[in-house]
């Protein structure tokens, strides 16, 4: 994710994470993926997402503090 964000910034773009509502029920096969994981694996996955979120937050703060053009209008 970090490398993708850097590449996009070089191209004058910024990554945007979004969500959209589903058009129907979630397939059971999608729900069973995390249920099949061991508790340790689920914890590892959650920790990985938390680390990524922290890195994205830090990168955004750094870009804003340095006045990067891609962050214009996105002050905290």
PDB file of N, CA and C in Angstrom:
ATOM      1  N   UNK A   1       0.825  -1.189   0.000  1.00  0.00           N
ATOM      2  CA  UNK A   1       0.000   0.000   0.000  1.00  0.00           C
ATOM      3  C   UNK A   1       0.867   1.250   0.000  1.00  0.00           C
ATOM      4  N   UNK A   2       1.938   1.210   0.775  1.00  0.00           N
ATOM      5  CA  UNK A   2       2.804   2.391   0.837  1.00  0.00           C
ATOM      6  C   UNK A   2       3.373   2.711  -0.541  1.00  0.00           C
ATOM      7  N   UNK A   3       3.867   1.702  -1.214  1.00  0.00           N
ATOM      8  CA  UNK A   3       4.455   1.906  -2.545  1.00  0.00           C
ATOM      9  C   UNK A   3       3.398   2.399  -3.528  1.00  0.00           C
ATOM     10  N   UNK A   4       2.207   1.844  -3.497  1.00  0.00           N
ATOM     11  CA  UNK A   4       1.128   2.282  -4.378  1.00  0.00           C
ATOM     12  C   UNK A   4       0.812   3.755  -4.126  1.00  0.00           C
ATOM     13  N   UNK A   5       0.714   4.153  -2.869  1.00  0.00           N
ATOM     14  CA  UNK A   5       0.447   5.548  -2.542  1.00  0.00           C
ATOM     15  C   UNK A   5       1.526   6.469  -3.080  1.00  0.00           C
ATOM     16  N   UNK A   6       2.777   6.073  -2.959  1.00  0.00           N
ATOM     17  CA  UNK A   6       3.888   6.885  -3.458  1.00  0.00           C
ATOM     18  C   UNK A   6       3.837   7.006  -4.977  1.00  0.00           C
ATOM     19  N   UNK A   7       3.554   5.883  -5.643  1.00  0.00           N
ATOM     20  CA  UNK A   7       3.462   5.914  -7.106  1.00  0.00           C
ATOM     21  C   UNK A   7       2.334   6.821  -7.570  1.00  0.00           C
ATOM     22  N   UNK A   8       1.211   6.744  -6.895  1.00  0.00           N
ATOM     23  CA  UNK A   8       0.082   7.593  -7.269  1.00  0.00           C
ATOM     24  C   UNK A   8       0.403   9.067  -7.051  1.00  0.00           C
ATOM     25  N   UNK A   9       1.081   9.400  -5.960  1.00  0.00           N
ATOM     26  CA  UNK A   9       1.449  10.791  -5.709  1.00  0.00           C
ATOM     27  C   UNK A   9       2.381  11.327  -6.790  1.00  0.00           C
ATOM     28  N   UNK A  10       3.312  10.493  -7.235  1.00  0.00           N
ATOM     29  CA  UNK A  10       4.218  10.897  -8.317  1.00  0.00           C
ATOM     30  C   UNK A  10       3.428  11.197  -9.584  1.00  0.00           C
ATOM     31  N   UNK A  11       2.344  10.472  -9.792  1.00  0.00           N
ATOM     32  CA  UNK A  11       1.505  10.678 -10.970  1.00  0.00           C
ATOM     33  C   UNK A  11       0.486  11.794 -10.774  1.00  0.00           C
ATOM     34  N   UNK A  12       0.577  12.477  -9.632  1.00  0.00           N
ATOM     35  CA  UNK A  12      -0.352  13.571  -9.377  1.00  0.00           C
ATOM     36  C   UNK A  12      -1.723  13.093  -8.927  1.00  0.00           C
ATOM     37  N   UNK A  13      -1.780  11.915  -8.385  1.00  0.00           N
ATOM     38  CA  UNK A  13      -3.036  11.343  -7.904  1.00  0.00           C
ATOM     39  C   UNK A  13      -2.887  10.999  -6.446  1.00  0.00           C
ATOM     40  N   UNK A  14      -3.992  10.881  -5.754  1.00  0.00           N
ATOM     41  CA  UNK A  14      -3.936  10.410  -4.379  1.00  0.00           C
ATOM     42  C   UNK A  14      -4.872   9.222  -4.237  1.00  0.00           C
ATOM     43  N   UNK A  15      -4.462   8.247  -3.475  1.00  0.00           N
ATOM     44  CA  UNK A  15      -5.329   7.077  -3.279  1.00  0.00           C
ATOM     45  C   UNK A  15      -6.526   7.468  -2.420  1.00  0.00           C
ATOM     46  N   UNK A  16      -7.662   6.919  -2.769  1.00  0.00           N
ATOM     47  CA  UNK A  16      -8.885   7.177  -2.017  1.00  0.00           C
ATOM     48  C   UNK A  16      -9.515   5.823  -1.691  1.00  0.00           C
ATOM     49  N   UNK A  17      -9.763   5.625  -0.433  1.00  0.00           N
ATOM     50  CA  UNK A  17     -10.408   4.400   0.006  1.00  0.00           C
ATOM     51  C   UNK A  17     -11.876   4.701   0.213  1.00  0.00           C
ATOM     52  N   UNK A  18     -12.733   3.888  -0.346  1.00  0.00           N
ATOM     53  CA  UNK A  18     -14.165   4.126  -0.203  1.00  0.00           C
ATOM     54  C   UNK A  18     -14.924   2.836  -0.022  1.00  0.00           C
ATOM     55  N   UNK A  19     -16.156   2.994   0.335  1.00  0.00           N
ATOM     56  CA  UNK A  19     -17.046   1.852   0.482  1.00  0.00           C
ATOM     57  C   UNK A  19     -18.363   2.173  -0.209  1.00  0.00           C
ATOM     58  N   UNK A  20     -19.028   1.152  -0.660  1.00  0.00           N
ATOM     59  CA  UNK A  20     -20.322   1.286  -1.304  1.00  0.00           C
ATOM     60  C   UNK A  20     -21.267   0.250  -0.729  1.00  0.00           C
ATOM     61  N   UNK A  21     -22.549   0.568  -0.672  1.00  0.00           N
ATOM     62  CA  UNK A  21     -23.487  -0.427  -0.160  1.00  0.00           C
ATOM     63  C   UNK A  21     -23.608  -1.613  -1.117  1.00  0.00           C
ATOM     64  N   UNK A  22     -23.857  -2.773  -0.551  1.00  0.00           N
ATOM     65  CA  UNK A  22     -24.067  -3.967  -1.366  1.00  0.00           C
ATOM     66  C   UNK A  22     -25.442  -3.904  -2.011  1.00  0.00           C
ATOM     67  N   UNK A  23     -25.561  -4.533  -3.159  1.00  0.00           N
ATOM     68  CA  UNK A  23     -26.837  -4.553  -3.854  1.00  0.00           C
ATOM     69  C   UNK A  23     -27.677  -5.762  -3.460  1.00  0.00           C
ATOM     70  N   UNK A  24     -27.154  -6.606  -2.612  1.00  0.00           N
ATOM     71  CA  UNK A  24     -27.877  -7.797  -2.192  1.00  0.00           C
ATOM     72  C   UNK A  24     -27.217  -8.380  -0.967  1.00  0.00           C
ATOM     73  N   UNK A  25     -27.657  -9.533  -0.536  1.00  0.00           N
ATOM     74  CA  UNK A  25     -27.055 -10.146   0.644  1.00  0.00           C
ATOM     75  C   UNK A  25     -25.613 -10.592   0.372  1.00  0.00           C
ATOM     76  N   UNK A  26     -24.833 -10.637   1.424  1.00  0.00           N
ATOM     77  CA  UNK A  26     -23.444 -11.087   1.313  1.00  0.00           C
ATOM     78  C   UNK A  26     -23.451 -12.605   1.126  1.00  0.00           C
ATOM     79  N   UNK A  27     -22.762 -13.096   0.105  1.00  0.00           N
ATOM     80  CA  UNK A  27     -22.703 -14.551  -0.099  1.00  0.00           C
ATOM     81  C   UNK A  27     -22.064 -15.240   1.109  1.00  0.00           C
ATOM     82  N   UNK A  28     -22.632 -16.339   1.519  1.00  0.00           N
ATOM     83  CA  UNK A  28     -22.113 -17.095   2.664  1.00  0.00           C
ATOM     84  C   UNK A  28     -20.650 -17.465   2.466  1.00  0.00           C
ATOM     85  N   UNK A  29     -20.251 -17.715   1.221  1.00  0.00           N
ATOM     86  CA  UNK A  29     -18.862 -18.082   0.953  1.00  0.00           C
ATOM     87  C   UNK A  29     -17.909 -16.959   1.359  1.00  0.00           C
ATOM     88  N   UNK A  30     -18.335 -15.715   1.234  1.00  0.00           N
ATOM     89  CA  UNK A  30     -17.501 -14.578   1.643  1.00  0.00           C
ATOM     90  C   UNK A  30     -17.389 -14.508   3.158  1.00  0.00           C
ATOM     91  N   UNK A  31     -18.471 -14.814   3.843  1.00  0.00           N
ATOM     92  CA  UNK A  31     -18.474 -14.739   5.300  1.00  0.00           C
ATOM     93  C   UNK A  31     -17.685 -15.879   5.928  1.00  0.00           C
ATOM     94  N   UNK A  32     -17.610 -16.994   5.259  1.00  0.00           N
ATOM     95  CA  UNK A  32     -16.952 -18.162   5.841  1.00  0.00           C
ATOM     96  C   UNK A  32     -15.431 -18.070   5.821  1.00  0.00           C
ATOM     97  N   UNK A  33     -14.872 -17.128   5.065  1.00  0.00           N
ATOM     98  CA  UNK A  33     -13.417 -17.022   4.964  1.00  0.00           C
ATOM     99  C   UNK A  33     -12.806 -16.727   6.337  1.00  0.00           C
ATOM    100  N   UNK A  34     -13.282 -15.695   7.019  1.00  0.00           N
ATOM    101  CA  UNK A  34     -12.690 -15.375   8.320  1.00  0.00           C
ATOM    102  C   UNK A  34     -13.093 -16.404   9.365  1.00  0.00           C
ATOM    103  N   UNK A  35     -14.253 -16.990   9.224  1.00  0.00           N
ATOM    104  CA  UNK A  35     -14.679 -18.017  10.170  1.00  0.00           C
ATOM    105  C   UNK A  35     -13.812 -19.255  10.114  1.00  0.00           C
ATOM    106  N   UNK A  36     -13.209 -19.506   8.961  1.00  0.00           N
ATOM    107  CA  UNK A  36     -12.351 -20.678   8.807  1.00  0.00           C
ATOM    108  C   UNK A  36     -10.943 -20.426   9.347  1.00  0.00           C
ATOM    109  N   UNK A  37     -10.630 -19.171   9.627  1.00  0.00           N
ATOM    110  CA  UNK A  37      -9.294 -18.849  10.159  1.00  0.00           C
ATOM    111  C   UNK A  37      -9.218 -19.189  11.642  1.00  0.00           C
ATOM    112  N   UNK A  38      -8.036 -19.541  12.059  1.00  0.00           N
ATOM    113  CA  UNK A  38      -7.823 -19.768  13.488  1.00  0.00           C
ATOM    114  C   UNK A  38      -7.880 -18.415  14.197  1.00  0.00           C
ATOM    115  N   UNK A  39      -8.157 -18.410  15.503  1.00  0.00           N
ATOM    116  CA  UNK A  39      -8.163 -17.137  16.232  1.00  0.00           C
ATOM    117  C   UNK A  39      -6.831 -16.392  16.092  1.00  0.00           C
ATOM    118  N   UNK A  40      -5.727 -17.118  16.099  1.00  0.00           N
ATOM    119  CA  UNK A  40      -4.419 -16.480  15.935  1.00  0.00           C
ATOM    120  C   UNK A  40      -4.274 -15.802  14.580  1.00  0.00           C
ATOM    121  N   UNK A  41      -4.765 -16.476  13.549  1.00  0.00           N
ATOM    122  CA  UNK A  41      -4.691 -15.906  12.192  1.00  0.00           C
ATOM    123  C   UNK A  41      -5.579 -14.672  12.085  1.00  0.00           C
ATOM    124  N   UNK A  42      -6.788 -14.721  12.674  1.00  0.00           N
ATOM    125  CA  UNK A  42      -7.678 -13.553  12.653  1.00  0.00           C
ATOM    126  C   UNK A  42      -7.028 -12.382  13.378  1.00  0.00           C
ATOM    127  N   UNK A  43      -6.369 -12.647  14.499  1.00  0.00           N
ATOM    128  CA  UNK A  43      -5.683 -11.598  15.245  1.00  0.00           C
ATOM    129  C   UNK A  43      -4.543 -11.015  14.414  1.00  0.00           C
ATOM    130  N   UNK A  44      -3.806 -11.879  13.735  1.00  0.00           N
ATOM    131  CA  UNK A  44      -2.719 -11.424  12.877  1.00  0.00           C
ATOM    132  C   UNK A  44      -3.242 -10.534  11.747  1.00  0.00           C
ATOM    133  N   UNK A  45      -4.344 -10.943  11.127  1.00  0.00           N
ATOM    134  CA  UNK A  45      -4.953 -10.143  10.056  1.00  0.00           C
ATOM    135  C   UNK A  45      -5.401  -8.786  10.578  1.00  0.00           C
ATOM    136  N   UNK A  46      -6.049  -8.772  11.737  1.00  0.00           N
ATOM    137  CA  UNK A  46      -6.517  -7.509  12.323  1.00  0.00           C
ATOM    138  C   UNK A  46      -5.336  -6.602  12.648  1.00  0.00           C
ATOM    139  N   UNK A  47      -4.272  -7.168  13.187  1.00  0.00           N
ATOM    140  CA  UNK A  47      -3.085  -6.382  13.504  1.00  0.00           C
ATOM    141  C   UNK A  47      -2.465  -5.796  12.247  1.00  0.00           C
ATOM    142  N   UNK A  48      -2.460  -6.567  11.185  1.00  0.00           N
ATOM    143  CA  UNK A  48      -1.912  -6.096   9.922  1.00  0.00           C
ATOM    144  C   UNK A  48      -2.696  -4.893   9.407  1.00  0.00           C
ATOM    145  N   UNK A  49      -4.014  -4.972   9.468  1.00  0.00           N
ATOM    146  CA  UNK A  49      -4.851  -3.841   9.029  1.00  0.00           C
ATOM    147  C   UNK A  49      -4.620  -2.626   9.910  1.00  0.00           C
ATOM    148  N   UNK A  50      -4.466  -2.829  11.208  1.00  0.00           N
ATOM    149  CA  UNK A  50      -4.208  -1.706  12.111  1.00  0.00           C
ATOM    150  C   UNK A  50      -2.874  -1.042  11.804  1.00  0.00           C
ATOM    151  N   UNK A  51      -1.852  -1.841  11.513  1.00  0.00           N
ATOM    152  CA  UNK A  51      -0.548  -1.275  11.155  1.00  0.00           C
ATOM    153  C   UNK A  51      -0.653  -0.461   9.868  1.00  0.00           C
ATOM    154  N   UNK A  52      -1.372  -1.000   8.878  1.00  0.00           N
ATOM    155  CA  UNK A  52      -1.530  -0.294   7.618  1.00  0.00           C
ATOM    156  C   UNK A  52      -2.257   1.034   7.837  1.00  0.00           C
ATOM    157  N   UNK A  53      -3.307   1.033   8.645  1.00  0.00           N
ATOM    158  CA  UNK A  53      -4.044   2.265   8.919  1.00  0.00           C
ATOM    159  C   UNK A  53      -3.149   3.294   9.598  1.00  0.00           C
ATOM    160  N   UNK A  54      -2.321   2.855  10.523  1.00  0.00           N
ATOM    161  CA  UNK A  54      -1.403   3.768  11.209  1.00  0.00           C
ATOM    162  C   UNK A  54      -0.382   4.345  10.229  1.00  0.00           C
ATOM    163  N   UNK A  55       0.112   3.513   9.322  1.00  0.00           N
ATOM    164  CA  UNK A  55       1.077   3.989   8.329  1.00  0.00           C
ATOM    165  C   UNK A  55       0.440   4.993   7.377  1.00  0.00           C
ATOM    166  N   UNK A  56      -0.788   4.720   6.949  1.00  0.00           N
ATOM    167  CA  UNK A  56      -1.491   5.659   6.073  1.00  0.00           C
ATOM    168  C   UNK A  56      -1.733   6.985   6.781  1.00  0.00           C
ATOM    169  N   UNK A  57      -2.120   6.919   8.031  1.00  0.00           N
ATOM    170  CA  UNK A  57      -2.348   8.127   8.808  1.00  0.00           C
ATOM    171  C   UNK A  57      -1.065   8.938   8.949  1.00  0.00           C
ATOM    172  N   UNK A  58       0.028   8.273   9.271  1.00  0.00           N
ATOM    173  CA  UNK A  58       1.318   8.955   9.423  1.00  0.00           C
ATOM    174  C   UNK A  58       1.769   9.571   8.099  1.00  0.00           C
ATOM    175  N   UNK A  59       1.587   8.846   7.009  1.00  0.00           N
ATOM    176  CA  UNK A  59       1.978   9.373   5.699  1.00  0.00           C
ATOM    177  C   UNK A  59       1.143  10.601   5.345  1.00  0.00           C
ATOM    178  N   UNK A  60      -0.132  10.557   5.653  1.00  0.00           N
ATOM    179  CA  UNK A  60      -0.994  11.710   5.391  1.00  0.00           C
ATOM    180  C   UNK A  60      -0.582  12.914   6.215  1.00  0.00           C
ATOM    181  N   UNK A  61      -0.303  12.676   7.489  1.00  0.00           N
ATOM    182  CA  UNK A  61       0.144  13.774   8.359  1.00  0.00           C
ATOM    183  C   UNK A  61       1.444  14.373   7.837  1.00  0.00           C
ATOM    184  N   UNK A  62       2.374  13.528   7.428  1.00  0.00           N
ATOM    185  CA  UNK A  62       3.648  14.017   6.909  1.00  0.00           C
ATOM    186  C   UNK A  62       3.431  14.818   5.631  1.00  0.00           C
ATOM    187  N   UNK A  63       2.622  14.296   4.726  1.00  0.00           N
ATOM    188  CA  UNK A  63       2.360  15.003   3.470  1.00  0.00           C
ATOM    189  C   UNK A  63       1.705  16.356   3.740  1.00  0.00           C
ATOM    190  N   UNK A  64       0.747  16.391   4.677  1.00  0.00           N
ATOM    191  CA  UNK A  64       0.097  17.663   5.011  1.00  0.00           C
ATOM    192  C   UNK A  64       1.095  18.639   5.626  1.00  0.00           C
ATOM    193  N   UNK A  65       1.945  18.138   6.529  1.00  0.00           N
ATOM    194  CA  UNK A  65       2.903  19.026   7.201  1.00  0.00           C
ATOM    195  C   UNK A  65       3.940  19.563   6.221  1.00  0.00           C
ATOM    196  N   UNK A  66       4.225  18.812   5.156  1.00  0.00           N
ATOM    197  CA  UNK A  66       5.185  19.256   4.147  1.00  0.00           C
ATOM    198  C   UNK A  66       4.520  20.056   3.033  1.00  0.00           C
ATOM    199  N   UNK A  67       3.191  20.215   3.128  1.00  0.00           N
ATOM    200  CA  UNK A  67       2.466  20.994   2.123  1.00  0.00           C
ATOM    201  C   UNK A  67       2.395  20.343   0.759  1.00  0.00           C
ATOM    202  N   UNK A  68       2.374  19.014   0.737  1.00  0.00           N
ATOM    203  CA  UNK A  68       2.312  18.306  -0.553  1.00  0.00           C
ATOM    204  C   UNK A  68       1.045  18.728  -1.298  1.00  0.00           C
ATOM    205  N   UNK A  69       1.160  19.030  -2.606  1.00  0.00           N
ATOM    206  CA  UNK A  69       0.008  19.494  -3.380  1.00  0.00           C
ATOM    207  C   UNK A  69      -1.186  18.538  -3.365  1.00  0.00           C
ATOM    208  N   UNK A  70      -0.932  17.247  -3.250  1.00  0.00           N
ATOM    209  CA  UNK A  70      -2.039  16.284  -3.261  1.00  0.00           C
ATOM    210  C   UNK A  70      -2.902  16.386  -2.014  1.00  0.00           C
ATOM    211  N   UNK A  71      -2.397  17.089  -0.992  1.00  0.00           N
ATOM    212  CA  UNK A  71      -3.157  17.209   0.251  1.00  0.00           C
ATOM    213  C   UNK A  71      -3.880  18.539   0.369  1.00  0.00           C
ATOM    214  N   UNK A  72      -3.801  19.373  -0.657  1.00  0.00           N
ATOM    215  CA  UNK A  72      -4.459  20.683  -0.615  1.00  0.00           C
ATOM    216  C   UNK A  72      -5.950  20.514  -0.335  1.00  0.00           C
ATOM    217  N   UNK A  73      -6.423  21.255   0.643  1.00  0.00           N
ATOM    218  CA  UNK A  73      -7.832  21.183   1.010  1.00  0.00           C
ATOM    219  C   UNK A  73      -8.168  20.034   1.930  1.00  0.00           C
ATOM    220  N   UNK A  74      -7.158  19.310   2.395  1.00  0.00           N
ATOM    221  CA  UNK A  74      -7.393  18.158   3.280  1.00  0.00           C
ATOM    222  C   UNK A  74      -6.711  18.348   4.626  1.00  0.00           C
ATOM    223  N   UNK A  75      -6.734  19.578   5.126  1.00  0.00           N
ATOM    224  CA  UNK A  75      -6.135  19.831   6.425  1.00  0.00           C
ATOM    225  C   UNK A  75      -7.000  19.239   7.518  1.00  0.00           C
ATOM    226  N   UNK A  76      -6.376  18.929   8.633  1.00  0.00           N
ATOM    227  CA  UNK A  76      -7.124  18.397   9.780  1.00  0.00           C
ATOM    228  C   UNK A  76      -7.539  19.499  10.682  1.00  0.00           C
TER     229      UNK A  76
END
